[in-house]
Amino acid sequence: MWEKLFDLMAKVFTLTANVDRHEKEIERLRRENKELLEVVNQQSAKIDVLVYAVQSESDKTKMWVEKEMLKFERRLPSGKVENEK
């Protein structure tokens, strides 16, 4: 009977130690997760800035191409045949 009680107490202490260890590990993982989330948010913000910059540059390039095409079209003859008098 005393042996069973001793075994039960040993299991209780072992489980308590395991629970304490797991709680500390959970807290460590939560801190690490929070830090990683901050890094992800920072990188996401940087990506947003880069995407905006690329879109802006792309828009500038499109506008330049359209402007050059309009200049070129103005230099072409109209293509209409004029009647000679």
PDB file of N, CA and C in Angstrom:
ATOM      1  N   MET A   1       0.821  -1.179   0.000  1.00  0.00           N
ATOM      2  CA  MET A   1       0.000   0.000   0.000  1.00  0.00           C
ATOM      3  C   MET A   1       0.877   1.259   0.000  1.00  0.00           C
ATOM      4  N   TRP A   2       1.903   1.286   0.854  1.00  0.00           N
ATOM      5  CA  TRP A   2       2.804   2.422   0.893  1.00  0.00           C
ATOM      6  C   TRP A   2       3.562   2.576  -0.419  1.00  0.00           C
ATOM      7  N   GLU A   3       3.839   1.445  -1.049  1.00  0.00           N
ATOM      8  CA  GLU A   3       4.565   1.482  -2.319  1.00  0.00           C
ATOM      9  C   GLU A   3       3.714   2.127  -3.407  1.00  0.00           C
ATOM     10  N   LYS A   4       2.413   1.783  -3.407  1.00  0.00           N
ATOM     11  CA  LYS A   4       1.506   2.383  -4.403  1.00  0.00           C
ATOM     12  C   LYS A   4       1.365   3.881  -4.153  1.00  0.00           C
ATOM     13  N   LEU A   5       1.278   4.270  -2.898  1.00  0.00           N
ATOM     14  CA  LEU A   5       1.167   5.678  -2.561  1.00  0.00           C
ATOM     15  C   LEU A   5       2.437   6.421  -2.981  1.00  0.00           C
ATOM     16  N   PHE A   6       3.590   5.821  -2.727  1.00  0.00           N
ATOM     17  CA  PHE A   6       4.865   6.424  -3.136  1.00  0.00           C
ATOM     18  C   PHE A   6       4.944   6.552  -4.652  1.00  0.00           C
ATOM     19  N   ASP A   7       4.530   5.519  -5.374  1.00  0.00           N
ATOM     20  CA  ASP A   7       4.531   5.576  -6.847  1.00  0.00           C
ATOM     21  C   ASP A   7       3.594   6.665  -7.355  1.00  0.00           C
ATOM     22  N   LEU A   8       2.427   6.778  -6.720  1.00  0.00           N
ATOM     23  CA  LEU A   8       1.460   7.797  -7.112  1.00  0.00           C
ATOM     24  C   LEU A   8       2.037   9.197  -6.876  1.00  0.00           C
ATOM     25  N   MET A   9       2.675   9.404  -5.736  1.00  0.00           N
ATOM     26  CA  MET A   9       3.272  10.702  -5.430  1.00  0.00           C
ATOM     27  C   MET A   9       4.416  11.008  -6.411  1.00  0.00           C
ATOM     28  N   ALA A  10       5.195  10.012  -6.757  1.00  0.00           N
ATOM     29  CA  ALA A  10       6.286  10.206  -7.708  1.00  0.00           C
ATOM     30  C   ALA A  10       5.725  10.616  -9.069  1.00  0.00           C
ATOM     31  N   LYS A  11       4.628   9.977  -9.482  1.00  0.00           N
ATOM     32  CA  LYS A  11       3.997  10.332 -10.765  1.00  0.00           C
ATOM     33  C   LYS A  11       3.458  11.759 -10.723  1.00  0.00           C
ATOM     34  N   VAL A  12       2.859  12.144  -9.607  1.00  0.00           N
ATOM     35  CA  VAL A  12       2.314  13.494  -9.474  1.00  0.00           C
ATOM     36  C   VAL A  12       3.450  14.518  -9.594  1.00  0.00           C
ATOM     37  N   PHE A  13       4.552  14.284  -8.883  1.00  0.00           N
ATOM     38  CA  PHE A  13       5.683  15.211  -8.959  1.00  0.00           C
ATOM     39  C   PHE A  13       6.288  15.238 -10.365  1.00  0.00           C
ATOM     40  N   THR A  14       6.382  14.094 -11.003  1.00  0.00           N
ATOM     41  CA  THR A  14       6.912  14.026 -12.365  1.00  0.00           C
ATOM     42  C   THR A  14       6.011  14.790 -13.334  1.00  0.00           C
ATOM     43  N   LEU A  15       4.702  14.570 -13.202  1.00  0.00           N
ATOM     44  CA  LEU A  15       3.760  15.271 -14.079  1.00  0.00           C
ATOM     45  C   LEU A  15       3.789  16.775 -13.826  1.00  0.00           C
ATOM     46  N   THR A  16       3.917  17.166 -12.574  1.00  0.00           N
ATOM     47  CA  THR A  16       3.999  18.592 -12.252  1.00  0.00           C
ATOM     48  C   THR A  16       5.248  19.205 -12.875  1.00  0.00           C
ATOM     49  N   ALA A  17       6.358  18.507 -12.785  1.00  0.00           N
ATOM     50  CA  ALA A  17       7.599  19.001 -13.389  1.00  0.00           C
ATOM     51  C   ALA A  17       7.449  19.096 -14.908  1.00  0.00           C
ATOM     52  N   ASN A  18       6.806  18.098 -15.499  1.00  0.00           N
ATOM     53  CA  ASN A  18       6.584  18.115 -16.958  1.00  0.00           C
ATOM     54  C   ASN A  18       5.698  19.282 -17.358  1.00  0.00           C
ATOM     55  N   VAL A  19       4.643  19.530 -16.583  1.00  0.00           N
ATOM     56  CA  VAL A  19       3.732  20.638 -16.883  1.00  0.00           C
ATOM     57  C   VAL A  19       4.487  21.960 -16.787  1.00  0.00           C
ATOM     58  N   ASP A  20       5.284  22.132 -15.749  1.00  0.00           N
ATOM     59  CA  ASP A  20       6.069  23.363 -15.606  1.00  0.00           C
ATOM     60  C   ASP A  20       7.016  23.547 -16.787  1.00  0.00           C
ATOM     61  N   ARG A  21       7.694  22.483 -17.171  1.00  0.00           N
ATOM     62  CA  ARG A  21       8.615  22.546 -18.301  1.00  0.00           C
ATOM     63  C   ARG A  21       7.878  22.900 -19.586  1.00  0.00           C
ATOM     64  N   HIS A  22       6.711  22.292 -19.779  1.00  0.00           N
ATOM     65  CA  HIS A  22       5.936  22.560 -21.001  1.00  0.00           C
ATOM     66  C   HIS A  22       5.410  23.993 -21.016  1.00  0.00           C
ATOM     67  N   GLU A  23       5.001  24.490 -19.854  1.00  0.00           N
ATOM     68  CA  GLU A  23       4.522  25.876 -19.803  1.00  0.00           C
ATOM     69  C   GLU A  23       5.637  26.855 -20.160  1.00  0.00           C
ATOM     70  N   LYS A  24       6.845  26.606 -19.665  1.00  0.00           N
ATOM     71  CA  LYS A  24       7.983  27.464 -20.009  1.00  0.00           C
ATOM     72  C   LYS A  24       8.283  27.380 -21.499  1.00  0.00           C
ATOM     73  N   GLU A  25       8.219  26.189 -22.050  1.00  0.00           N
ATOM     74  CA  GLU A  25       8.464  26.006 -23.486  1.00  0.00           C
ATOM     75  C   GLU A  25       7.396  26.718 -24.325  1.00  0.00           C
ATOM     76  N   ILE A  26       6.159  26.637 -23.867  1.00  0.00           N
ATOM     77  CA  ILE A  26       5.066  27.318 -24.572  1.00  0.00           C
ATOM     78  C   ILE A  26       5.298  28.829 -24.557  1.00  0.00           C
ATOM     79  N   GLU A  27       5.684  29.374 -23.413  1.00  0.00           N
ATOM     80  CA  GLU A  27       5.958  30.812 -23.329  1.00  0.00           C
ATOM     81  C   GLU A  27       7.109  31.209 -24.253  1.00  0.00           C
ATOM     82  N   ARG A  28       8.154  30.397 -24.296  1.00  0.00           N
ATOM     83  CA  ARG A  28       9.284  30.678 -25.182  1.00  0.00           C
ATOM     84  C   ARG A  28       8.832  30.672 -26.639  1.00  0.00           C
ATOM     85  N   LEU A  29       8.014  29.681 -26.985  1.00  0.00           N
ATOM     86  CA  LEU A  29       7.526  29.583 -28.365  1.00  0.00           C
ATOM     87  C   LEU A  29       6.607  30.754 -28.708  1.00  0.00           C
ATOM     88  N   ARG A  30       5.817  31.200 -27.749  1.00  0.00           N
ATOM     89  CA  ARG A  30       4.953  32.365 -27.998  1.00  0.00           C
ATOM     90  C   ARG A  30       5.778  33.619 -28.252  1.00  0.00           C
ATOM     91  N   ARG A  31       6.830  33.815 -27.453  1.00  0.00           N
ATOM     92  CA  ARG A  31       7.714  34.970 -27.678  1.00  0.00           C
ATOM     93  C   ARG A  31       8.368  34.882 -29.055  1.00  0.00           C
ATOM     94  N   GLU A  32       8.849  33.696 -29.395  1.00  0.00           N
ATOM     95  CA  GLU A  32       9.491  33.504 -30.693  1.00  0.00           C
ATOM     96  C   GLU A  32       8.502  33.747 -31.830  1.00  0.00           C
ATOM     97  N   ASN A  33       7.284  33.275 -31.656  1.00  0.00           N
ATOM     98  CA  ASN A  33       6.243  33.473 -32.663  1.00  0.00           C
ATOM     99  C   ASN A  33       5.936  34.962 -32.835  1.00  0.00           C
ATOM    100  N   LYS A  34       5.892  35.684 -31.716  1.00  0.00           N
ATOM    101  CA  LYS A  34       5.633  37.117 -31.775  1.00  0.00           C
ATOM    102  C   LYS A  34       6.752  37.833 -32.526  1.00  0.00           C
ATOM    103  N   GLU A  35       8.002  37.468 -32.231  1.00  0.00           N
ATOM    104  CA  GLU A  35       9.143  38.075 -32.920  1.00  0.00           C
ATOM    105  C   GLU A  35       9.105  37.773 -34.416  1.00  0.00           C
ATOM    106  N   LEU A  36       8.789  36.544 -34.761  1.00  0.00           N
ATOM    107  CA  LEU A  36       8.712  36.174 -36.178  1.00  0.00           C
ATOM    108  C   LEU A  36       7.586  36.926 -36.882  1.00  0.00           C
ATOM    109  N   LEU A  37       6.478  37.103 -36.191  1.00  0.00           N
ATOM    110  CA  LEU A  37       5.361  37.846 -36.770  1.00  0.00           C
ATOM    111  C   LEU A  37       5.762  39.289 -37.047  1.00  0.00           C
ATOM    112  N   GLU A  38       6.532  39.888 -36.140  1.00  0.00           N
ATOM    113  CA  GLU A  38       7.015  41.254 -36.360  1.00  0.00           C
ATOM    114  C   GLU A  38       7.930  41.320 -37.582  1.00  0.00           C
ATOM    115  N   VAL A  39       8.805  40.337 -37.728  1.00  0.00           N
ATOM    116  CA  VAL A  39       9.701  40.302 -38.891  1.00  0.00           C
ATOM    117  C   VAL A  39       8.890  40.153 -40.172  1.00  0.00           C
ATOM    118  N   VAL A  40       7.897  39.283 -40.156  1.00  0.00           N
ATOM    119  CA  VAL A  40       7.054  39.078 -41.341  1.00  0.00           C
ATOM    120  C   VAL A  40       6.322  40.370 -41.699  1.00  0.00           C
ATOM    121  N   ASN A  41       5.800  41.062 -40.692  1.00  0.00           N
ATOM    122  CA  ASN A  41       5.100  42.324 -40.959  1.00  0.00           C
ATOM    123  C   ASN A  41       6.045  43.371 -41.537  1.00  0.00           C
ATOM    124  N   GLN A  42       7.273  43.437 -41.020  1.00  0.00           N
ATOM    125  CA  GLN A  42       8.247  44.385 -41.555  1.00  0.00           C
ATOM    126  C   GLN A  42       8.581  44.057 -43.010  1.00  0.00           C
ATOM    127  N   GLN A  43       8.797  42.789 -43.291  1.00  0.00           N
ATOM    128  CA  GLN A  43       9.127  42.384 -44.666  1.00  0.00           C
ATOM    129  C   GLN A  43       7.940  42.636 -45.596  1.00  0.00           C
ATOM    130  N   SER A  44       6.743  42.420 -45.098  1.00  0.00           N
ATOM    131  CA  SER A  44       5.545  42.674 -45.898  1.00  0.00           C
ATOM    132  C   SER A  44       5.448  44.156 -46.260  1.00  0.00           C
ATOM    133  N   ALA A  45       5.754  45.017 -45.304  1.00  0.00           N
ATOM    134  CA  ALA A  45       5.729  46.455 -45.575  1.00  0.00           C
ATOM    135  C   ALA A  45       6.777  46.826 -46.622  1.00  0.00           C
ATOM    136  N   LYS A  46       7.960  46.221 -46.513  1.00  0.00           N
ATOM    137  CA  LYS A  46       9.009  46.488 -47.504  1.00  0.00           C
ATOM    138  C   LYS A  46       8.582  46.021 -48.890  1.00  0.00           C
ATOM    139  N   ILE A  47       7.937  44.866 -48.949  1.00  0.00           N
ATOM    140  CA  ILE A  47       7.461  44.345 -50.237  1.00  0.00           C
ATOM    141  C   ILE A  47       6.422  45.285 -50.826  1.00  0.00           C
ATOM    142  N   ASP A  48       5.518  45.798 -49.987  1.00  0.00           N
ATOM    143  CA  ASP A  48       4.506  46.741 -50.473  1.00  0.00           C
ATOM    144  C   ASP A  48       5.155  47.974 -51.081  1.00  0.00           C
ATOM    145  N   VAL A  49       6.199  48.486 -50.433  1.00  0.00           N
ATOM    146  CA  VAL A  49       6.897  49.666 -50.954  1.00  0.00           C
ATOM    147  C   VAL A  49       7.544  49.340 -52.300  1.00  0.00           C
ATOM    148  N   LEU A  50       8.173  48.175 -52.384  1.00  0.00           N
ATOM    149  CA  LEU A  50       8.819  47.788 -53.643  1.00  0.00           C
ATOM    150  C   LEU A  50       7.801  47.596 -54.764  1.00  0.00           C
ATOM    151  N   VAL A  51       6.676  46.982 -54.450  1.00  0.00           N
ATOM    152  CA  VAL A  51       5.623  46.783 -55.458  1.00  0.00           C
ATOM    153  C   VAL A  51       5.136  48.138 -55.960  1.00  0.00           C
ATOM    154  N   TYR A  52       4.927  49.076 -55.040  1.00  0.00           N
ATOM    155  CA  TYR A  52       4.484  50.411 -55.447  1.00  0.00           C
ATOM    156  C   TYR A  52       5.527  51.067 -56.355  1.00  0.00           C
ATOM    157  N   ALA A  53       6.804  50.926 -55.984  1.00  0.00           N
ATOM    158  CA  ALA A  53       7.870  51.528 -56.790  1.00  0.00           C
ATOM    159  C   ALA A  53       7.913  50.912 -58.180  1.00  0.00           C
ATOM    160  N   VAL A  54       7.771  49.602 -58.264  1.00  0.00           N
ATOM    161  CA  VAL A  54       7.796  48.922 -59.566  1.00  0.00           C
ATOM    162  C   VAL A  54       6.591  49.345 -60.403  1.00  0.00           C
ATOM    163  N   GLN A  55       5.412  49.426 -59.772  1.00  0.00           N
ATOM    164  CA  GLN A  55       4.225  49.853 -60.512  1.00  0.00           C
ATOM    165  C   GLN A  55       4.409  51.282 -61.025  1.00  0.00           C
ATOM    166  N   SER A  56       4.957  52.143 -60.185  1.00  0.00           N
ATOM    167  CA  SER A  56       5.175  53.528 -60.584  1.00  0.00           C
ATOM    168  C   SER A  56       6.135  53.595 -61.764  1.00  0.00           C
ATOM    169  N   GLU A  57       7.209  52.833 -61.683  1.00  0.00           N
ATOM    170  CA  GLU A  57       8.184  52.818 -62.775  1.00  0.00           C
ATOM    171  C   GLU A  57       7.560  52.254 -64.056  1.00  0.00           C
ATOM    172  N   SER A  58       6.734  51.227 -63.888  1.00  0.00           N
ATOM    173  CA  SER A  58       6.058  50.638 -65.042  1.00  0.00           C
ATOM    174  C   SER A  58       5.103  51.649 -65.677  1.00  0.00           C
ATOM    175  N   ASP A  59       4.376  52.374 -64.846  1.00  0.00           N
ATOM    176  CA  ASP A  59       3.467  53.393 -65.371  1.00  0.00           C
ATOM    177  C   ASP A  59       4.239  54.480 -66.110  1.00  0.00           C
ATOM    178  N   LYS A  60       5.383  54.884 -65.552  1.00  0.00           N
ATOM    179  CA  LYS A  60       6.202  55.904 -66.220  1.00  0.00           C
ATOM    180  C   LYS A  60       6.683  55.397 -67.583  1.00  0.00           C
ATOM    181  N   THR A  61       7.086  54.134 -67.626  1.00  0.00           N
ATOM    182  CA  THR A  61       7.564  53.559 -68.883  1.00  0.00           C
ATOM    183  C   THR A  61       6.436  53.509 -69.910  1.00  0.00           C
ATOM    184  N   LYS A  62       5.261  53.101 -69.492  1.00  0.00           N
ATOM    185  CA  LYS A  62       4.109  53.052 -70.411  1.00  0.00           C
ATOM    186  C   LYS A  62       3.790  54.433 -70.954  1.00  0.00           C
ATOM    187  N   MET A  63       3.808  55.419 -70.081  1.00  0.00           N
ATOM    188  CA  MET A  63       3.510  56.776 -70.533  1.00  0.00           C
ATOM    189  C   MET A  63       4.580  57.277 -71.506  1.00  0.00           C
ATOM    190  N   TRP A  64       5.839  56.964 -71.247  1.00  0.00           N
ATOM    191  CA  TRP A  64       6.914  57.361 -72.151  1.00  0.00           C
ATOM    192  C   TRP A  64       6.733  56.717 -73.516  1.00  0.00           C
ATOM    193  N   VAL A  65       6.412  55.419 -73.535  1.00  0.00           N
ATOM    194  CA  VAL A  65       6.211  54.711 -74.802  1.00  0.00           C
ATOM    195  C   VAL A  65       5.045  55.336 -75.570  1.00  0.00           C
ATOM    196  N   GLU A  66       3.939  55.614 -74.873  1.00  0.00           N
ATOM    197  CA  GLU A  66       2.785  56.237 -75.547  1.00  0.00           C
ATOM    198  C   GLU A  66       3.162  57.607 -76.117  1.00  0.00           C
ATOM    199  N   LYS A  67       3.926  58.383 -75.356  1.00  0.00           N
ATOM    200  CA  LYS A  67       4.360  59.701 -75.810  1.00  0.00           C
ATOM    201  C   LYS A  67       5.232  59.583 -77.055  1.00  0.00           C
ATOM    202  N   GLU A  68       6.156  58.639 -77.049  1.00  0.00           N
ATOM    203  CA  GLU A  68       7.028  58.444 -78.213  1.00  0.00           C
ATOM    204  C   GLU A  68       6.233  57.975 -79.423  1.00  0.00           C
ATOM    205  N   MET A  69       5.251  57.111 -79.196  1.00  0.00           N
ATOM    206  CA  MET A  69       4.414  56.648 -80.314  1.00  0.00           C
ATOM    207  C   MET A  69       3.618  57.808 -80.903  1.00  0.00           C
ATOM    208  N   LEU A  70       3.103  58.668 -80.050  1.00  0.00           N
ATOM    209  CA  LEU A  70       2.362  59.833 -80.551  1.00  0.00           C
ATOM    210  C   LEU A  70       3.273  60.759 -81.339  1.00  0.00           C
ATOM    211  N   LYS A  71       4.494  60.961 -80.873  1.00  0.00           N
ATOM    212  CA  LYS A  71       5.445  61.784 -81.623  1.00  0.00           C
ATOM    213  C   LYS A  71       5.706  61.177 -83.002  1.00  0.00           C
ATOM    214  N   PHE A  72       5.895  59.855 -83.020  1.00  0.00           N
ATOM    215  CA  PHE A  72       6.170  59.168 -84.274  1.00  0.00           C
ATOM    216  C   PHE A  72       4.981  59.274 -85.219  1.00  0.00           C
ATOM    217  N   GLU A  73       3.766  59.110 -84.699  1.00  0.00           N
ATOM    218  CA  GLU A  73       2.566  59.182 -85.543  1.00  0.00           C
ATOM    219  C   GLU A  73       2.398  60.566 -86.141  1.00  0.00           C
ATOM    220  N   ARG A  74       2.769  61.596 -85.409  1.00  0.00           N
ATOM    221  CA  ARG A  74       2.641  62.953 -85.935  1.00  0.00           C
ATOM    222  C   ARG A  74       3.595  63.201 -87.104  1.00  0.00           C
ATOM    223  N   ARG A  75       4.701  62.495 -87.136  1.00  0.00           N
ATOM    224  CA  ARG A  75       5.687  62.666 -88.208  1.00  0.00           C
ATOM    225  C   ARG A  75       5.292  61.927 -89.481  1.00  0.00           C
ATOM    226  N   LEU A  76       4.411  60.940 -89.384  1.00  0.00           N
ATOM    227  CA  LEU A  76       4.017  60.170 -90.571  1.00  0.00           C
ATOM    228  C   LEU A  76       3.091  60.997 -91.457  1.00  0.00           C
ATOM    229  N   PRO A  77       3.167  60.761 -92.749  1.00  0.00           N
ATOM    230  CA  PRO A  77       2.206  61.419 -93.640  1.00  0.00           C
ATOM    231  C   PRO A  77       0.813  60.875 -93.363  1.00  0.00           C
ATOM    232  N   SER A  78      -0.174  61.647 -93.680  1.00  0.00           N
ATOM    233  CA  SER A  78      -1.532  61.281 -93.341  1.00  0.00           C
ATOM    234  C   SER A  78      -2.010  60.015 -94.053  1.00  0.00           C
ATOM    235  N   GLY A  79      -1.453  59.719 -95.195  1.00  0.00           N
ATOM    236  CA  GLY A  79      -1.842  58.519 -95.936  1.00  0.00           C
ATOM    237  C   GLY A  79      -2.958  58.781 -96.924  1.00  0.00           C
ATOM    238  N   LYS A  80      -3.509  59.978 -96.929  1.00  0.00           N
ATOM    239  CA  LYS A  80      -4.564  60.324 -97.871  1.00  0.00           C
ATOM    240  C   LYS A  80      -3.904  60.772 -99.176  1.00  0.00           C
ATOM    241  N   VAL A  81      -4.468  60.326-100.268  1.00  0.00           N
ATOM    242  CA  VAL A  81      -3.966  60.734-101.572  1.00  0.00           C
ATOM    243  C   VAL A  81      -4.674  62.011-101.970  1.00  0.00           C
ATOM    244  N   GLU A  82      -3.880  63.052-102.206  1.00  0.00           N
ATOM    245  CA  GLU A  82      -4.486  64.321-102.601  1.00  0.00           C
ATOM    246  C   GLU A  82      -4.618  64.377-104.119  1.00  0.00           C
ATOM    247  N   ASN A  83      -5.730  64.880-104.569  1.00  0.00           N
ATOM    248  CA  ASN A  83      -5.938  65.039-106.012  1.00  0.00           C
ATOM    249  C   ASN A  83      -5.106  66.207-106.541  1.00  0.00           C
ATOM    250  N   GLU A  84      -4.400  65.930-107.634  1.00  0.00           N
ATOM    251  CA  GLU A  84      -3.593  66.971-108.223  1.00  0.00           C
ATOM    252  C   GLU A  84      -4.465  67.845-109.118  1.00  0.00           C
ATOM    253  N   LYS A  85      -4.260  69.131-109.011  1.00  0.00           N
ATOM    254  CA  LYS A  85      -5.090  70.058-109.810  1.00  0.00           C
ATOM    255  C   LYS A  85      -4.377  70.546-111.012  1.00  0.00           C
TER     256      LYS A  85
END
